[in-house]
Amino acid sequence: MDSAKAVLQEYDHLLDSLTAEKAKSANLEIVQKELNILRQVCHQHGILPSAVKKCSKSLLQHGKPSVRARLVWWAKRLLPVFIGIAVIGCLVWYTEWVYWSCFALLRRTLVAVLPFWDWTVIRDSCIVRNPLFNPDGLTEDDCQSCLNQTSFVYWTANSNSSDDQLMKLMMDDKLPVLFRGGAQQWPAVESFSFSFLYNLFSANVALQNSNLCHFFTIGVRFRGPEQEKEFVMRVLVKEIRGVAVHWENCFIPAAKELRQFTRRPSFLPSAIELSTTNQLLIANEFKVQDYQPLNSLEPWGLFAQIKGTSKIRMRPRGICERFCDDVRGEINTGDIVIWNDELYMVDYVPQPEGESIAFSLGLNM
């Protein structure tokens, strides 16, 4: 018992000397030397390793910082880093020359790293956005043609004007052109009605076997193409009212079956070709009067009103939205409107009463 007390007294002495020494210097050799002495004394007095471990527990934990102290330590060192990042971010975001310089530096760095690491496999789009890139391909010069243009350019279907004049309106000026009576001689104008379309889709094998592409209607979701077809048939028999529906006949057999009810407009220049697919637009008592988006998927789009009336709204794309106004107009049965899809986004809204049927085609060269 006396030997144990002597060891503990020796331990306290070593601990005091070690603490005083550690306060003066952080020399690891001194710490190691004191620990070796303590181990030898314990061994000489026959103290078990478990007792040594228990006695040295406070020594090993001596000087260990608390959780709060560690948090304060990290906060003091990380706070300047966060402040620096915030300052740099503000400079990059609000200072133009810093913004462009960082873009240039990052682009050069990525290009330099490319021979050693192909970072393009991470994603197929640009990691660094090019501020000068215009996804719509439009410039301010392209917007000159639509300045102060708020209505269609009217063109009589049997006009004696040359193809060059029409091509200039469509290609150079990129203006939307309305042809009064342009589709009046189409078989669809004479034949199409909801009952006719219902019988056509019920009996025609090509239409039955083809799915509806890019199907669009507001407020209704479908689980598959069969539900879309079923919905269209219910609209055609007027079981469902107050809706507007349009879709693309992207399967060639179905597109051919419906193409026989159209004709190539005689006023179109010979350099312009009709797309192989077509879109059919139907509405019945559409009283909501919300505009429906329409995509042509070609450089030019053609909208032909087969039955009823529709309001057309054309919104400038991209940069031209800042300079040009919307073009609005109403087209009646047998009318055709042609627009440049690179310059305008097109919406339509059918008449609020009765049936409305329309065709949409793409035009290209």
Foldseek 3Di string as FASTA:
>chain_A
DVLVVVLVVVVVVLLVVVVVVCVVDVDVVVVVVSVVVNVVSCVVSVHDVVVVCVSCVCVVCPPPDDPVVVVVVVCVVCVVVVVVVVVLVCCLVPPPVSVVVVLVVVVVVVVVCCVVDPPCVVDVDDPRDDPPDFVLPDDVVLLVLQFVAAAAAEDELPDPDDQVVVCCVCPVSQTKYKYALQFVPFQLLVDDDLVSVLVCCVPDPLNVPFFWAPKDKPPDDDDDRVVVVVVSNCVSVPVDAQIKIKTKRPDQSVQVVVCNRGDDGPSHDPQKDWDSIKMKIKHALNQVQDWDWDDAPAQKKKKAWSAAKKKKWWAFDDPSNVRHDIHIDMGHHSMMMMGGRSTTTMIMGTDNHGMTMMMMIHMDD
